[in-house]
Structure formats: C-alpha cells, structure tokens
Amino acid sequence: MTGVKSPFSPELAPCGKRSGGERLVDDDGYGLLIRDQYFDCGCRRIRHEYHDGSIHISAVRHDGKRIKDSSLQADHGS
C-alpha cells in the first residue's frame, strides 16, 4: 500500500480560514481507503473507509480541538 501526496488549492479549513495544503490518498485495493488533508494552517481533515464498509470522518483544528459538524457525517445513501 503506497500513498500518493499532492498539494491542493486553498479551501475552507476546519478552523474557518482558507488554507492550502497537502492531500494524502492511500488505497489497498481491497476496500481500505484513506483520504487525509493536512492544511498549511495546521488543521487536519480525515476520511477512512474500512474493509467492512464502515467510514470514519473527522476534522481537527490547528489548536487541537475536534470539530463536530453535520457536514462531516457519513452519507448513508439517503
């Protein structure tokens, strides 16, 4: 499993500021998919999809505070 890192243009970070950064995408080809965004301001947004189909989504501001936001909830196809 090898991850691919690529820069991304400024977008809204979890802290509310626009910031660019680096995106990491890692896929094992068997159902594990990791998508992490590391913002230049220090914020982080993660989305991990596991082999059993479950999804974990979270965001952390640059000050370490975890963000609870309805836009972070998983899409269950409704």
PDB file of N, CA and C in Angstrom:
ATOM      1  N   MET A   1       0.851  -1.169   0.000  1.00  0.00           N
ATOM      2  CA  MET A   1       0.000   0.000   0.000  1.00  0.00           C
ATOM      3  C   MET A   1       0.897   1.231   0.000  1.00  0.00           C
ATOM      4  N   THR A   2       0.786   2.037  -1.023  1.00  0.00           N
ATOM      5  CA  THR A   2       1.581   3.253  -1.109  1.00  0.00           C
ATOM      6  C   THR A   2       0.672   4.446  -1.274  1.00  0.00           C
ATOM      7  N   GLY A   3       0.882   5.453  -0.454  1.00  0.00           N
ATOM      8  CA  GLY A   3       0.074   6.652  -0.519  1.00  0.00           C
ATOM      9  C   GLY A   3       0.585   7.625  -1.557  1.00  0.00           C
ATOM     10  N   VAL A   4      -0.322   8.435  -2.056  1.00  0.00           N
ATOM     11  CA  VAL A   4       0.031   9.481  -3.011  1.00  0.00           C
ATOM     12  C   VAL A   4      -0.261  10.820  -2.360  1.00  0.00           C
ATOM     13  N   LYS A   5       0.760  11.665  -2.282  1.00  0.00           N
ATOM     14  CA  LYS A   5       0.595  13.000  -1.724  1.00  0.00           C
ATOM     15  C   LYS A   5       0.527  14.004  -2.863  1.00  0.00           C
ATOM     16  N   SER A   6      -0.388  14.962  -2.724  1.00  0.00           N
ATOM     17  CA  SER A   6      -0.492  16.009  -3.735  1.00  0.00           C
ATOM     18  C   SER A   6      -0.972  17.294  -3.066  1.00  0.00           C
ATOM     19  N   PRO A   7      -0.488  18.429  -3.557  1.00  0.00           N
ATOM     20  CA  PRO A   7      -0.925  19.707  -2.989  1.00  0.00           C
ATOM     21  C   PRO A   7      -2.364  20.018  -3.416  1.00  0.00           C
ATOM     22  N   PHE A   8      -3.055  20.819  -2.605  1.00  0.00           N
ATOM     23  CA  PHE A   8      -4.377  21.288  -3.014  1.00  0.00           C
ATOM     24  C   PHE A   8      -4.465  22.787  -2.815  1.00  0.00           C
ATOM     25  N   SER A   9      -5.297  23.422  -3.637  1.00  0.00           N
ATOM     26  CA  SER A   9      -5.505  24.867  -3.601  1.00  0.00           C
ATOM     27  C   SER A   9      -6.247  25.256  -2.324  1.00  0.00           C
ATOM     28  N   PRO A  10      -6.130  26.512  -1.913  1.00  0.00           N
ATOM     29  CA  PRO A  10      -6.816  26.942  -0.694  1.00  0.00           C
ATOM     30  C   PRO A  10      -8.306  26.644  -0.714  1.00  0.00           C
ATOM     31  N   GLU A  11      -8.785  26.094   0.396  1.00  0.00           N
ATOM     32  CA  GLU A  11     -10.200  25.830   0.617  1.00  0.00           C
ATOM     33  C   GLU A  11     -10.477  26.045   2.093  1.00  0.00           C
ATOM     34  N   LEU A  12     -11.726  25.961   2.470  1.00  0.00           N
ATOM     35  CA  LEU A  12     -12.105  26.230   3.845  1.00  0.00           C
ATOM     36  C   LEU A  12     -11.592  25.126   4.766  1.00  0.00           C
ATOM     37  N   ALA A  13     -10.725  25.493   5.684  1.00  0.00           N
ATOM     38  CA  ALA A  13     -10.168  24.551   6.667  1.00  0.00           C
ATOM     39  C   ALA A  13     -11.135  24.425   7.837  1.00  0.00           C
ATOM     40  N   PRO A  14     -10.977  23.413   8.672  1.00  0.00           N
ATOM     41  CA  PRO A  14     -11.850  23.240   9.838  1.00  0.00           C
ATOM     42  C   PRO A  14     -11.893  24.446  10.782  1.00  0.00           C
ATOM     43  N   CYS A  15     -10.867  25.286  10.784  1.00  0.00           N
ATOM     44  CA  CYS A  15     -10.851  26.461  11.655  1.00  0.00           C
ATOM     45  C   CYS A  15     -11.644  27.622  11.072  1.00  0.00           C
ATOM     46  N   GLY A  16     -12.079  27.499   9.800  1.00  0.00           N
ATOM     47  CA  GLY A  16     -12.849  28.554   9.164  1.00  0.00           C
ATOM     48  C   GLY A  16     -12.031  29.443   8.246  1.00  0.00           C
ATOM     49  N   LYS A  17     -10.718  29.265   8.234  1.00  0.00           N
ATOM     50  CA  LYS A  17      -9.857  30.052   7.351  1.00  0.00           C
ATOM     51  C   LYS A  17      -9.642  29.294   6.049  1.00  0.00           C
ATOM     52  N   ARG A  18      -9.359  30.050   4.981  1.00  0.00           N
ATOM     53  CA  ARG A  18      -8.999  29.423   3.713  1.00  0.00           C
ATOM     54  C   ARG A  18      -7.519  29.102   3.748  1.00  0.00           C
ATOM     55  N   SER A  19      -7.196  27.857   3.434  1.00  0.00           N
ATOM     56  CA  SER A  19      -5.809  27.422   3.506  1.00  0.00           C
ATOM     57  C   SER A  19      -5.574  26.317   2.489  1.00  0.00           C
ATOM     58  N   GLY A  20      -4.408  26.322   1.894  1.00  0.00           N
ATOM     59  CA  GLY A  20      -3.995  25.237   1.020  1.00  0.00           C
ATOM     60  C   GLY A  20      -3.362  24.151   1.864  1.00  0.00           C
ATOM     61  N   GLY A  21      -2.759  23.186   1.213  1.00  0.00           N
ATOM     62  CA  GLY A  21      -2.096  22.142   1.959  1.00  0.00           C
ATOM     63  C   GLY A  21      -1.766  20.947   1.109  1.00  0.00           C
ATOM     64  N   GLU A  22      -1.713  19.795   1.761  1.00  0.00           N
ATOM     65  CA  GLU A  22      -1.339  18.559   1.098  1.00  0.00           C
ATOM     66  C   GLU A  22      -2.388  17.484   1.372  1.00  0.00           C
ATOM     67  N   ARG A  23      -2.712  16.736   0.345  1.00  0.00           N
ATOM     68  CA  ARG A  23      -3.706  15.665   0.436  1.00  0.00           C
ATOM     69  C   ARG A  23      -2.975  14.330   0.310  1.00  0.00           C
ATOM     70  N   LEU A  24      -3.318  13.386   1.181  1.00  0.00           N
ATOM     71  CA  LEU A  24      -2.777  12.039   1.109  1.00  0.00           C
ATOM     72  C   LEU A  24      -3.915  11.078   0.798  1.00  0.00           C
ATOM     73  N   VAL A  25      -3.745  10.279  -0.251  1.00  0.00           N
ATOM     74  CA  VAL A  25      -4.729   9.262  -0.609  1.00  0.00           C
ATOM     75  C   VAL A  25      -3.996   7.929  -0.645  1.00  0.00           C
ATOM     76  N   ASP A  26      -4.538   6.958   0.089  1.00  0.00           N
ATOM     77  CA  ASP A  26      -3.935   5.636   0.189  1.00  0.00           C
ATOM     78  C   ASP A  26      -5.036   4.600   0.013  1.00  0.00           C
ATOM     79  N   ASP A  27      -4.824   3.619  -0.838  1.00  0.00           N
ATOM     80  CA  ASP A  27      -5.837   2.616  -1.161  1.00  0.00           C
ATOM     81  C   ASP A  27      -5.146   1.263  -1.267  1.00  0.00           C
ATOM     82  N   ASP A  28      -5.636   0.266  -0.518  1.00  0.00           N
ATOM     83  CA  ASP A  28      -5.010  -1.051  -0.587  1.00  0.00           C
ATOM     84  C   ASP A  28      -5.615  -1.937  -1.678  1.00  0.00           C
ATOM     85  N   GLY A  29      -6.655  -1.450  -2.359  1.00  0.00           N
ATOM     86  CA  GLY A  29      -7.273  -2.214  -3.427  1.00  0.00           C
ATOM     87  C   GLY A  29      -8.251  -3.266  -2.947  1.00  0.00           C
ATOM     88  N   TYR A  30      -8.434  -3.377  -1.628  1.00  0.00           N
ATOM     89  CA  TYR A  30      -9.332  -4.372  -1.057  1.00  0.00           C
ATOM     90  C   TYR A  30     -10.408  -3.743  -0.179  1.00  0.00           C
ATOM     91  N   GLY A  31     -10.577  -2.454  -0.286  1.00  0.00           N
ATOM     92  CA  GLY A  31     -11.637  -1.793   0.470  1.00  0.00           C
ATOM     93  C   GLY A  31     -11.169  -0.765   1.474  1.00  0.00           C
ATOM     94  N   LEU A  32      -9.876  -0.750   1.792  1.00  0.00           N
ATOM     95  CA  LEU A  32      -9.354   0.263   2.710  1.00  0.00           C
ATOM     96  C   LEU A  32      -8.955   1.491   1.902  1.00  0.00           C
ATOM     97  N   LEU A  33      -9.562   2.637   2.221  1.00  0.00           N
ATOM     98  CA  LEU A  33      -9.277   3.885   1.523  1.00  0.00           C
ATOM     99  C   LEU A  33      -9.073   4.978   2.555  1.00  0.00           C
ATOM    100  N   ILE A  34      -7.927   5.605   2.507  1.00  0.00           N
ATOM    101  CA  ILE A  34      -7.589   6.674   3.446  1.00  0.00           C
ATOM    102  C   ILE A  34      -7.425   7.963   2.664  1.00  0.00           C
ATOM    103  N   ARG A  35      -8.166   8.984   3.082  1.00  0.00           N
ATOM    104  CA  ARG A  35      -8.065  10.316   2.467  1.00  0.00           C
ATOM    105  C   ARG A  35      -7.847  11.314   3.588  1.00  0.00           C
ATOM    106  N   ASP A  36      -6.656  11.836   3.703  1.00  0.00           N
ATOM    107  CA  ASP A  36      -6.325  12.818   4.733  1.00  0.00           C
ATOM    108  C   ASP A  36      -5.928  14.126   4.070  1.00  0.00           C
ATOM    109  N   GLN A  37      -6.355  15.235   4.672  1.00  0.00           N
ATOM    110  CA  GLN A  37      -5.950  16.555   4.216  1.00  0.00           C
ATOM    111  C   GLN A  37      -5.193  17.218   5.362  1.00  0.00           C
ATOM    112  N   TYR A  38      -4.005  17.686   5.063  1.00  0.00           N
ATOM    113  CA  TYR A  38      -3.190  18.418   6.023  1.00  0.00           C
ATOM    114  C   TYR A  38      -3.102  19.857   5.532  1.00  0.00           C
ATOM    115  N   PHE A  39      -3.747  20.762   6.244  1.00  0.00           N
ATOM    116  CA  PHE A  39      -3.783  22.163   5.842  1.00  0.00           C
ATOM    117  C   PHE A  39      -2.529  22.885   6.315  1.00  0.00           C
ATOM    118  N   ASP A  40      -2.110  23.899   5.559  1.00  0.00           N
ATOM    119  CA  ASP A  40      -0.935  24.693   5.926  1.00  0.00           C
ATOM    120  C   ASP A  40      -1.106  25.386   7.274  1.00  0.00           C
ATOM    121  N   CYS A  41      -2.345  25.664   7.675  1.00  0.00           N
ATOM    122  CA  CYS A  41      -2.593  26.339   8.946  1.00  0.00           C
ATOM    123  C   CYS A  41      -2.460  25.386  10.137  1.00  0.00           C
ATOM    124  N   GLY A  42      -2.356  24.065   9.855  1.00  0.00           N
ATOM    125  CA  GLY A  42      -2.212  23.084  10.919  1.00  0.00           C
ATOM    126  C   GLY A  42      -3.444  22.238  11.152  1.00  0.00           C
ATOM    127  N   CYS A  43      -4.555  22.582  10.503  1.00  0.00           N
ATOM    128  CA  CYS A  43      -5.780  21.786  10.635  1.00  0.00           C
ATOM    129  C   CYS A  43      -5.622  20.476   9.869  1.00  0.00           C
ATOM    130  N   ARG A  44      -6.510  19.520  10.201  1.00  0.00           N
ATOM    131  CA  ARG A  44      -6.492  18.226   9.525  1.00  0.00           C
ATOM    132  C   ARG A  44      -7.918  17.722   9.348  1.00  0.00           C
ATOM    133  N   ARG A  45      -8.193  17.138   8.197  1.00  0.00           N
ATOM    134  CA  ARG A  45      -9.489  16.515   7.916  1.00  0.00           C
ATOM    135  C   ARG A  45      -9.202  15.087   7.460  1.00  0.00           C
ATOM    136  N   ILE A  46      -9.887  14.107   8.066  1.00  0.00           N
ATOM    137  CA  ILE A  46      -9.631  12.721   7.702  1.00  0.00           C
ATOM    138  C   ILE A  46     -10.920  12.007   7.310  1.00  0.00           C
ATOM    139  N   ARG A  47     -10.782  11.073   6.388  1.00  0.00           N
ATOM    140  CA  ARG A  47     -11.869  10.190   5.972  1.00  0.00           C
ATOM    141  C   ARG A  47     -11.238   8.825   5.723  1.00  0.00           C
ATOM    142  N   HIS A  48     -11.616   7.851   6.536  1.00  0.00           N
ATOM    143  CA  HIS A  48     -11.101   6.494   6.403  1.00  0.00           C
ATOM    144  C   HIS A  48     -12.270   5.557   6.123  1.00  0.00           C
ATOM    145  N   GLU A  49     -12.183   4.826   5.032  1.00  0.00           N
ATOM    146  CA  GLU A  49     -13.185   3.817   4.675  1.00  0.00           C
ATOM    147  C   GLU A  49     -12.524   2.459   4.871  1.00  0.00           C
ATOM    148  N   TYR A  50     -13.174   1.594   5.648  1.00  0.00           N
ATOM    149  CA  TYR A  50     -12.585   0.319   6.029  1.00  0.00           C
ATOM    150  C   TYR A  50     -13.139  -0.842   5.225  1.00  0.00           C
ATOM    151  N   HIS A  51     -12.477  -1.985   5.325  1.00  0.00           N
ATOM    152  CA  HIS A  51     -12.842  -3.184   4.573  1.00  0.00           C
ATOM    153  C   HIS A  51     -14.281  -3.626   4.813  1.00  0.00           C
ATOM    154  N   ASP A  52     -14.808  -3.380   6.007  1.00  0.00           N
ATOM    155  CA  ASP A  52     -16.178  -3.804   6.312  1.00  0.00           C
ATOM    156  C   ASP A  52     -17.230  -2.803   5.833  1.00  0.00           C
ATOM    157  N   GLY A  53     -16.799  -1.734   5.170  1.00  0.00           N
ATOM    158  CA  GLY A  53     -17.722  -0.735   4.639  1.00  0.00           C
ATOM    159  C   GLY A  53     -17.973   0.438   5.569  1.00  0.00           C
ATOM    160  N   SER A  54     -17.466   0.370   6.791  1.00  0.00           N
ATOM    161  CA  SER A  54     -17.656   1.487   7.718  1.00  0.00           C
ATOM    162  C   SER A  54     -16.761   2.658   7.327  1.00  0.00           C
ATOM    163  N   ILE A  55     -17.202   3.845   7.719  1.00  0.00           N
ATOM    164  CA  ILE A  55     -16.485   5.076   7.379  1.00  0.00           C
ATOM    165  C   ILE A  55     -16.289   5.898   8.640  1.00  0.00           C
ATOM    166  N   HIS A  56     -15.081   6.419   8.817  1.00  0.00           N
ATOM    167  CA  HIS A  56     -14.777   7.314   9.938  1.00  0.00           C
ATOM    168  C   HIS A  56     -14.366   8.658   9.349  1.00  0.00           C
ATOM    169  N   ILE A  57     -15.087   9.707   9.727  1.00  0.00           N
ATOM    170  CA  ILE A  57     -14.815  11.052   9.233  1.00  0.00           C
ATOM    171  C   ILE A  57     -14.618  11.963  10.432  1.00  0.00           C
ATOM    172  N   SER A  58     -13.567  12.760  10.414  1.00  0.00           N
ATOM    173  CA  SER A  58     -13.367  13.728  11.491  1.00  0.00           C
ATOM    174  C   SER A  58     -12.516  14.894  10.993  1.00  0.00           C
ATOM    175  N   ALA A  59     -12.509  15.943  11.786  1.00  0.00           N
ATOM    176  CA  ALA A  59     -11.698  17.117  11.483  1.00  0.00           C
ATOM    177  C   ALA A  59     -11.163  17.669  12.794  1.00  0.00           C
ATOM    178  N   VAL A  60      -9.931  18.154  12.744  1.00  0.00           N
ATOM    179  CA  VAL A  60      -9.274  18.717  13.915  1.00  0.00           C
ATOM    180  C   VAL A  60      -8.694  20.069  13.523  1.00  0.00           C
ATOM    181  N   ARG A  61      -9.013  21.086  14.317  1.00  0.00           N
ATOM    182  CA  ARG A  61      -8.460  22.423  14.073  1.00  0.00           C
ATOM    183  C   ARG A  61      -6.978  22.457  14.437  1.00  0.00           C
ATOM    184  N   HIS A  62      -6.304  23.506  14.002  1.00  0.00           N
ATOM    185  CA  HIS A  62      -4.876  23.648  14.270  1.00  0.00           C
ATOM    186  C   HIS A  62      -4.564  23.791  15.758  1.00  0.00           C
ATOM    187  N   ASP A  63      -5.561  24.133  16.578  1.00  0.00           N
ATOM    188  CA  ASP A  63      -5.336  24.232  18.023  1.00  0.00           C
ATOM    189  C   ASP A  63      -5.637  22.911  18.739  1.00  0.00           C
ATOM    190  N   GLY A  64      -5.941  21.859  17.971  1.00  0.00           N
ATOM    191  CA  GLY A  64      -6.179  20.538  18.539  1.00  0.00           C
ATOM    192  C   GLY A  64      -7.621  20.230  18.865  1.00  0.00           C
ATOM    193  N   LYS A  65      -8.515  21.198  18.700  1.00  0.00           N
ATOM    194  CA  LYS A  65      -9.922  20.977  19.005  1.00  0.00           C
ATOM    195  C   LYS A  65     -10.597  20.190  17.887  1.00  0.00           C
ATOM    196  N   ARG A  66     -11.281  19.097  18.264  1.00  0.00           N
ATOM    197  CA  ARG A  66     -12.020  18.281  17.305  1.00  0.00           C
ATOM    198  C   ARG A  66     -13.297  19.025  16.911  1.00  0.00           C
ATOM    199  N   ILE A  67     -13.624  19.004  15.635  1.00  0.00           N
ATOM    200  CA  ILE A  67     -14.785  19.697  15.104  1.00  0.00           C
ATOM    201  C   ILE A  67     -15.967  18.734  15.044  1.00  0.00           C
ATOM    202  N   LYS A  68     -17.097  19.164  15.584  1.00  0.00           N
ATOM    203  CA  LYS A  68     -18.340  18.414  15.448  1.00  0.00           C
ATOM    204  C   LYS A  68     -19.222  19.216  14.506  1.00  0.00           C
ATOM    205  N   ASP A  69     -19.415  18.681  13.309  1.00  0.00           N
ATOM    206  CA  ASP A  69     -20.106  19.415  12.267  1.00  0.00           C
ATOM    207  C   ASP A  69     -20.973  18.443  11.494  1.00  0.00           C
ATOM    208  N   SER A  70     -22.187  18.839  11.184  1.00  0.00           N
ATOM    209  CA  SER A  70     -23.102  17.966  10.463  1.00  0.00           C
ATOM    210  C   SER A  70     -22.595  17.655   9.055  1.00  0.00           C
ATOM    211  N   SER A  71     -21.773  18.533   8.480  1.00  0.00           N
ATOM    212  CA  SER A  71     -21.260  18.280   7.129  1.00  0.00           C
ATOM    213  C   SER A  71     -20.217  17.171   7.137  1.00  0.00           C
ATOM    214  N   LEU A  72     -19.746  16.746   8.325  1.00  0.00           N
ATOM    215  CA  LEU A  72     -18.757  15.680   8.416  1.00  0.00           C
ATOM    216  C   LEU A  72     -19.411  14.308   8.498  1.00  0.00           C
ATOM    217  N   GLN A  73     -20.721  14.245   8.637  1.00  0.00           N
ATOM    218  CA  GLN A  73     -21.398  12.960   8.806  1.00  0.00           C
ATOM    219  C   GLN A  73     -21.343  12.152   7.513  1.00  0.00           C
ATOM    220  N   ALA A  74     -21.287  10.856   7.668  1.00  0.00           N
ATOM    221  CA  ALA A  74     -21.211   9.962   6.514  1.00  0.00           C
ATOM    222  C   ALA A  74     -22.518   9.991   5.715  1.00  0.00           C
ATOM    223  N   ASP A  75     -22.395   9.813   4.425  1.00  0.00           N
ATOM    224  CA  ASP A  75     -23.560   9.733   3.547  1.00  0.00           C
ATOM    225  C   ASP A  75     -24.025   8.276   3.528  1.00  0.00           C
ATOM    226  N   HIS A  76     -25.240   8.027   3.967  1.00  0.00           N
ATOM    227  CA  HIS A  76     -25.769   6.674   4.016  1.00  0.00           C
ATOM    228  C   HIS A  76     -26.700   6.390   2.849  1.00  0.00           C
ATOM    229  N   GLY A  77     -26.584   7.164   1.778  1.00  0.00           N
ATOM    230  CA  GLY A  77     -27.363   6.915   0.577  1.00  0.00           C
ATOM    231  C   GLY A  77     -28.796   7.396   0.628  1.00  0.00           C
ATOM    232  N   SER A  78     -29.124   8.269   1.569  1.00  0.00           N
ATOM    233  CA  SER A  78     -30.495   8.759   1.647  1.00  0.00           C
ATOM    234  C   SER A  78     -30.694  10.027   0.853  1.00  0.00           C
TER     235      SER A  78
END
